[in-house]
Amino acid sequence: MIGLPAGTRIWLAAGLTDMRRGFDGLAALAQGALEQDPFSGHVFVFRGRRGDLVKLLWWDGQGLCLFAKRLEKGRFIWPQALSGSVVLTPAQLSMLLEGIDWRMPVRTTQPTLAM
């Protein structure tokens, strides 16, 4: 994904979204359901019913950008809430887009202490 400016917030829309929606439909969801300005420069993330597709909506200062990712295997981890939003860090967004459980990441190796 394109590097985001410092201070950009990432809003994850809880619940399911109709993935047939495009720029205008997702912007309306960001404004109505999430109560956020879609032209604020923040990123809004939406997931479909099957869970293998996400769409990200972002205003880059010149226009709306719409990014989509579909996993060939597995599902994107999503909050159990039916409505509302969750704020993610850029690191959590990276994990989400890789199909990693961003809510409880587990370190696979223990760091060694240098003495």
N, C-alpha and C. Protein backbone atom coordinates (compact mmCIF):
# COMPACT_ATOMS: atom_id res chain seq x y z
N MET A 1 0.83 -1.18 0.00
CA MET A 1 0.00 0.00 0.00
C MET A 1 0.88 1.24 0.00
N ILE A 2 0.35 2.32 -0.46
CA ILE A 2 1.07 3.59 -0.51
C ILE A 2 1.28 4.09 0.91
N GLY A 3 2.46 4.66 1.17
CA GLY A 3 2.75 5.19 2.50
C GLY A 3 1.78 6.30 2.88
N LEU A 4 1.27 6.21 4.09
CA LEU A 4 0.30 7.20 4.56
C LEU A 4 1.00 8.32 5.31
N PRO A 5 0.48 9.54 5.20
CA PRO A 5 1.07 10.65 5.96
C PRO A 5 0.95 10.41 7.46
N ALA A 6 1.87 11.00 8.22
CA ALA A 6 1.83 10.90 9.68
C ALA A 6 0.52 11.47 10.19
N GLY A 7 -0.03 10.84 11.19
CA GLY A 7 -1.28 11.30 11.78
C GLY A 7 -2.53 10.76 11.12
N THR A 8 -2.37 9.96 10.07
CA THR A 8 -3.53 9.37 9.40
C THR A 8 -4.15 8.31 10.30
N ARG A 9 -5.44 8.40 10.51
CA ARG A 9 -6.14 7.37 11.30
C ARG A 9 -6.74 6.34 10.37
N ILE A 10 -6.84 5.12 10.85
CA ILE A 10 -7.38 4.02 10.06
C ILE A 10 -8.63 3.52 10.76
N TRP A 11 -9.75 3.66 10.10
CA TRP A 11 -11.06 3.28 10.66
C TRP A 11 -11.52 1.98 10.04
N LEU A 12 -11.77 0.99 10.86
CA LEU A 12 -12.27 -0.31 10.43
C LEU A 12 -13.77 -0.34 10.69
N ALA A 13 -14.56 -0.50 9.64
CA ALA A 13 -16.02 -0.53 9.79
C ALA A 13 -16.44 -1.92 10.27
N ALA A 14 -16.96 -2.00 11.49
CA ALA A 14 -17.43 -3.28 12.03
C ALA A 14 -18.66 -3.72 11.24
N GLY A 15 -18.92 -5.01 11.24
CA GLY A 15 -20.06 -5.53 10.51
C GLY A 15 -19.69 -5.82 9.06
N LEU A 16 -20.70 -6.05 8.25
CA LEU A 16 -20.49 -6.44 6.86
C LEU A 16 -20.88 -5.29 5.93
N THR A 17 -20.22 -5.24 4.79
CA THR A 17 -20.48 -4.21 3.79
C THR A 17 -20.77 -4.88 2.46
N ASP A 18 -21.69 -4.31 1.71
CA ASP A 18 -21.97 -4.78 0.36
C ASP A 18 -20.77 -4.41 -0.52
N MET A 19 -20.03 -5.39 -0.98
CA MET A 19 -18.80 -5.13 -1.73
C MET A 19 -19.07 -4.66 -3.16
N ARG A 20 -20.32 -4.55 -3.56
CA ARG A 20 -20.63 -3.96 -4.86
C ARG A 20 -20.52 -2.44 -4.81
N ARG A 21 -20.42 -1.88 -3.61
CA ARG A 21 -20.31 -0.42 -3.46
C ARG A 21 -18.96 0.06 -3.98
N GLY A 22 -19.00 1.25 -4.54
CA GLY A 22 -17.79 1.87 -5.06
C GLY A 22 -17.45 3.11 -4.25
N PHE A 23 -16.82 4.07 -4.91
CA PHE A 23 -16.37 5.30 -4.26
C PHE A 23 -17.50 5.99 -3.49
N ASP A 24 -18.58 6.28 -4.17
CA ASP A 24 -19.66 7.06 -3.56
C ASP A 24 -20.37 6.30 -2.45
N GLY A 25 -20.64 5.02 -2.67
CA GLY A 25 -21.34 4.22 -1.66
C GLY A 25 -20.52 4.05 -0.39
N LEU A 26 -19.22 3.81 -0.54
CA LEU A 26 -18.36 3.65 0.63
C LEU A 26 -18.13 4.98 1.34
N ALA A 27 -18.04 6.07 0.58
CA ALA A 27 -17.92 7.40 1.20
C ALA A 27 -19.17 7.72 2.00
N ALA A 28 -20.34 7.33 1.48
CA ALA A 28 -21.59 7.55 2.21
C ALA A 28 -21.61 6.73 3.50
N LEU A 29 -21.09 5.50 3.46
CA LEU A 29 -21.00 4.68 4.68
C LEU A 29 -20.06 5.31 5.70
N ALA A 30 -18.93 5.80 5.24
CA ALA A 30 -17.98 6.45 6.16
C ALA A 30 -18.63 7.65 6.83
N GLN A 31 -19.40 8.40 6.06
CA GLN A 31 -20.05 9.59 6.61
C GLN A 31 -21.25 9.24 7.48
N GLY A 32 -22.06 8.31 7.06
CA GLY A 32 -23.29 7.98 7.79
C GLY A 32 -23.07 7.02 8.94
N ALA A 33 -22.62 5.81 8.64
CA ALA A 33 -22.50 4.77 9.66
C ALA A 33 -21.33 5.03 10.61
N LEU A 34 -20.20 5.50 10.09
CA LEU A 34 -19.01 5.71 10.93
C LEU A 34 -18.93 7.12 11.51
N GLU A 35 -19.79 8.01 10.98
CA GLU A 35 -19.83 9.41 11.43
C GLU A 35 -18.47 10.08 11.29
N GLN A 36 -17.81 9.83 10.16
CA GLN A 36 -16.50 10.43 9.87
C GLN A 36 -16.55 11.08 8.50
N ASP A 37 -15.70 12.07 8.28
CA ASP A 37 -15.62 12.75 6.99
C ASP A 37 -14.75 11.93 6.04
N PRO A 38 -15.32 11.42 4.94
CA PRO A 38 -14.52 10.60 4.02
C PRO A 38 -13.42 11.38 3.31
N PHE A 39 -13.48 12.72 3.37
CA PHE A 39 -12.49 13.57 2.72
C PHE A 39 -11.48 14.13 3.73
N SER A 40 -11.33 13.46 4.87
CA SER A 40 -10.45 13.92 5.94
C SER A 40 -9.00 13.47 5.75
N GLY A 41 -8.75 12.54 4.85
CA GLY A 41 -7.42 12.00 4.67
C GLY A 41 -7.20 10.72 5.47
N HIS A 42 -8.21 10.30 6.22
CA HIS A 42 -8.10 9.04 6.96
C HIS A 42 -8.47 7.88 6.04
N VAL A 43 -8.11 6.67 6.46
CA VAL A 43 -8.38 5.46 5.68
C VAL A 43 -9.57 4.74 6.30
N PHE A 44 -10.48 4.28 5.46
CA PHE A 44 -11.67 3.55 5.91
C PHE A 44 -11.61 2.16 5.28
N VAL A 45 -11.75 1.13 6.14
CA VAL A 45 -11.60 -0.26 5.70
C VAL A 45 -12.94 -0.97 5.86
N PHE A 46 -13.37 -1.67 4.81
CA PHE A 46 -14.66 -2.37 4.78
C PHE A 46 -14.43 -3.82 4.36
N ARG A 47 -15.26 -4.72 4.92
CA ARG A 47 -15.14 -6.16 4.60
C ARG A 47 -16.48 -6.70 4.14
N GLY A 48 -16.44 -7.62 3.19
CA GLY A 48 -17.64 -8.25 2.67
C GLY A 48 -18.11 -9.43 3.50
N ARG A 49 -19.22 -10.02 3.09
CA ARG A 49 -19.84 -11.12 3.82
C ARG A 49 -18.95 -12.35 3.90
N ARG A 50 -18.32 -12.73 2.80
CA ARG A 50 -17.50 -13.95 2.81
C ARG A 50 -16.21 -13.78 3.59
N GLY A 51 -15.75 -12.56 3.76
CA GLY A 51 -14.57 -12.32 4.56
C GLY A 51 -13.26 -12.41 3.83
N ASP A 52 -13.29 -12.69 2.53
CA ASP A 52 -12.02 -12.81 1.79
C ASP A 52 -11.69 -11.55 0.99
N LEU A 53 -12.54 -10.51 1.09
CA LEU A 53 -12.34 -9.28 0.33
C LEU A 53 -12.46 -8.07 1.25
N VAL A 54 -11.51 -7.16 1.16
CA VAL A 54 -11.60 -5.88 1.85
C VAL A 54 -11.41 -4.77 0.84
N LYS A 55 -12.03 -3.62 1.14
CA LYS A 55 -11.84 -2.41 0.35
C LYS A 55 -11.42 -1.29 1.28
N LEU A 56 -10.45 -0.49 0.84
CA LEU A 56 -9.96 0.65 1.59
C LEU A 56 -10.26 1.91 0.81
N LEU A 57 -10.83 2.88 1.47
CA LEU A 57 -11.16 4.16 0.86
C LEU A 57 -10.29 5.23 1.51
N TRP A 58 -9.63 6.06 0.68
CA TRP A 58 -8.70 7.06 1.21
C TRP A 58 -8.70 8.29 0.32
N TRP A 59 -8.81 9.45 0.92
CA TRP A 59 -8.71 10.74 0.21
C TRP A 59 -7.25 11.17 0.28
N ASP A 60 -6.58 11.30 -0.86
CA ASP A 60 -5.15 11.64 -0.86
C ASP A 60 -4.90 13.14 -1.03
N GLY A 61 -5.96 13.93 -0.99
CA GLY A 61 -5.82 15.37 -1.15
C GLY A 61 -6.23 15.84 -2.54
N GLN A 62 -6.22 14.93 -3.51
CA GLN A 62 -6.63 15.27 -4.87
C GLN A 62 -7.88 14.52 -5.31
N GLY A 63 -8.10 13.38 -4.71
CA GLY A 63 -9.25 12.56 -5.07
C GLY A 63 -9.33 11.33 -4.19
N LEU A 64 -10.45 10.63 -4.31
CA LEU A 64 -10.62 9.40 -3.53
C LEU A 64 -9.87 8.26 -4.20
N CYS A 65 -9.22 7.44 -3.38
CA CYS A 65 -8.54 6.24 -3.84
C CYS A 65 -9.29 5.05 -3.28
N LEU A 66 -9.49 4.04 -4.09
CA LEU A 66 -10.17 2.83 -3.66
C LEU A 66 -9.25 1.65 -3.93
N PHE A 67 -8.85 0.98 -2.84
CA PHE A 67 -7.98 -0.18 -2.94
C PHE A 67 -8.78 -1.41 -2.53
N ALA A 68 -8.52 -2.52 -3.19
CA ALA A 68 -9.20 -3.77 -2.84
C ALA A 68 -8.16 -4.88 -2.75
N LYS A 69 -8.41 -5.81 -1.82
CA LYS A 69 -7.56 -7.00 -1.72
C LYS A 69 -8.44 -8.20 -1.45
N ARG A 70 -8.18 -9.27 -2.19
CA ARG A 70 -8.89 -10.53 -1.99
C ARG A 70 -7.87 -11.60 -1.66
N LEU A 71 -8.12 -12.33 -0.57
CA LEU A 71 -7.25 -13.44 -0.19
C LEU A 71 -7.67 -14.68 -0.96
N GLU A 72 -6.71 -15.39 -1.49
CA GLU A 72 -7.01 -16.64 -2.19
C GLU A 72 -7.32 -17.75 -1.20
N LYS A 73 -6.70 -17.70 -0.02
CA LYS A 73 -6.96 -18.68 1.04
C LYS A 73 -7.11 -17.92 2.34
N GLY A 74 -8.04 -18.35 3.15
CA GLY A 74 -8.23 -17.73 4.46
C GLY A 74 -9.20 -16.56 4.41
N ARG A 75 -9.35 -15.92 5.55
CA ARG A 75 -10.29 -14.81 5.71
C ARG A 75 -9.61 -13.69 6.49
N PHE A 76 -10.08 -12.47 6.27
CA PHE A 76 -9.60 -11.33 7.04
C PHE A 76 -10.24 -11.38 8.43
N ILE A 77 -9.43 -11.11 9.46
CA ILE A 77 -9.91 -11.11 10.84
C ILE A 77 -10.68 -9.81 11.06
N TRP A 78 -11.89 -9.93 11.61
CA TRP A 78 -12.77 -8.78 11.76
C TRP A 78 -13.40 -8.76 13.15
N PRO A 79 -13.71 -7.59 13.69
CA PRO A 79 -14.38 -7.53 15.00
C PRO A 79 -15.75 -8.20 14.95
N GLN A 80 -16.20 -8.72 16.08
CA GLN A 80 -17.49 -9.40 16.15
C GLN A 80 -18.67 -8.44 16.19
N ALA A 81 -18.43 -7.16 16.45
CA ALA A 81 -19.51 -6.18 16.55
C ALA A 81 -20.26 -6.07 15.22
N LEU A 82 -21.55 -5.80 15.31
CA LEU A 82 -22.38 -5.68 14.11
C LEU A 82 -22.36 -4.27 13.54
N SER A 83 -22.00 -3.29 14.34
CA SER A 83 -21.94 -1.91 13.86
C SER A 83 -20.88 -1.16 14.63
N GLY A 84 -20.56 0.04 14.17
CA GLY A 84 -19.56 0.85 14.82
C GLY A 84 -18.24 0.78 14.08
N SER A 85 -17.18 1.23 14.75
CA SER A 85 -15.86 1.24 14.11
C SER A 85 -14.77 0.96 15.13
N VAL A 86 -13.62 0.60 14.61
CA VAL A 86 -12.43 0.34 15.41
C VAL A 86 -11.30 1.14 14.76
N VAL A 87 -10.46 1.76 15.56
CA VAL A 87 -9.30 2.49 15.03
C VAL A 87 -8.09 1.56 15.09
N LEU A 88 -7.39 1.43 13.96
CA LEU A 88 -6.21 0.59 13.86
C LEU A 88 -4.95 1.44 13.72
N THR A 89 -3.84 0.88 14.11
CA THR A 89 -2.55 1.49 13.84
C THR A 89 -2.09 1.05 12.44
N PRO A 90 -1.15 1.75 11.84
CA PRO A 90 -0.64 1.28 10.55
C PRO A 90 -0.08 -0.14 10.62
N ALA A 91 0.55 -0.52 11.74
CA ALA A 91 1.07 -1.88 11.89
C ALA A 91 -0.07 -2.90 11.91
N GLN A 92 -1.16 -2.58 12.61
CA GLN A 92 -2.31 -3.49 12.64
C GLN A 92 -2.93 -3.61 11.26
N LEU A 93 -2.99 -2.51 10.50
CA LEU A 93 -3.52 -2.57 9.14
C LEU A 93 -2.66 -3.49 8.27
N SER A 94 -1.34 -3.38 8.41
CA SER A 94 -0.44 -4.26 7.65
C SER A 94 -0.70 -5.72 7.97
N MET A 95 -0.87 -6.03 9.26
CA MET A 95 -1.16 -7.42 9.65
C MET A 95 -2.50 -7.87 9.09
N LEU A 96 -3.51 -7.01 9.19
CA LEU A 96 -4.83 -7.33 8.66
C LEU A 96 -4.75 -7.67 7.18
N LEU A 97 -4.04 -6.85 6.41
CA LEU A 97 -3.95 -7.07 4.97
C LEU A 97 -3.15 -8.31 4.61
N GLU A 98 -2.33 -8.80 5.54
CA GLU A 98 -1.58 -10.04 5.32
C GLU A 98 -2.35 -11.27 5.79
N GLY A 99 -3.54 -11.06 6.38
CA GLY A 99 -4.33 -12.18 6.87
C GLY A 99 -3.93 -12.63 8.26
N ILE A 100 -3.16 -11.80 8.97
CA ILE A 100 -2.70 -12.12 10.33
C ILE A 100 -3.73 -11.59 11.32
N ASP A 101 -3.92 -12.30 12.43
CA ASP A 101 -4.83 -11.83 13.46
C ASP A 101 -4.22 -10.62 14.15
N TRP A 102 -4.65 -9.44 13.76
CA TRP A 102 -4.09 -8.17 14.26
C TRP A 102 -4.49 -7.89 15.71
N ARG A 103 -5.51 -8.61 16.22
CA ARG A 103 -5.99 -8.35 17.58
C ARG A 103 -5.06 -8.92 18.63
N MET A 104 -4.37 -10.03 18.31
CA MET A 104 -3.52 -10.69 19.28
C MET A 104 -2.32 -11.30 18.56
N PRO A 105 -1.42 -10.47 18.02
CA PRO A 105 -0.28 -11.04 17.32
C PRO A 105 0.64 -11.78 18.29
N VAL A 106 1.19 -12.85 17.83
CA VAL A 106 2.06 -13.69 18.67
C VAL A 106 3.45 -13.71 18.06
N ARG A 107 4.44 -13.44 18.87
CA ARG A 107 5.83 -13.48 18.43
C ARG A 107 6.23 -14.95 18.26
N THR A 108 6.84 -15.29 17.12
CA THR A 108 7.19 -16.68 16.88
C THR A 108 8.53 -17.05 17.50
N THR A 109 9.40 -16.08 17.76
CA THR A 109 10.67 -16.36 18.41
C THR A 109 10.85 -15.41 19.58
N GLN A 110 11.60 -15.84 20.55
CA GLN A 110 11.91 -15.00 21.69
C GLN A 110 13.17 -14.21 21.40
N PRO A 111 13.17 -12.92 21.67
CA PRO A 111 14.40 -12.16 21.44
C PRO A 111 15.48 -12.59 22.43
N THR A 112 16.71 -12.60 21.95
CA THR A 112 17.83 -12.97 22.82
C THR A 112 18.43 -11.71 23.42
N LEU A 113 18.85 -11.82 24.64
CA LEU A 113 19.45 -10.69 25.33
C LEU A 113 20.95 -10.70 25.11
N ALA A 114 21.49 -9.62 24.62
CA ALA A 114 22.94 -9.50 24.41
C ALA A 114 23.56 -8.94 25.67
N MET A 115 24.59 -9.60 26.14
CA MET A 115 25.28 -9.14 27.36
C MET A 115 26.71 -8.88 27.09
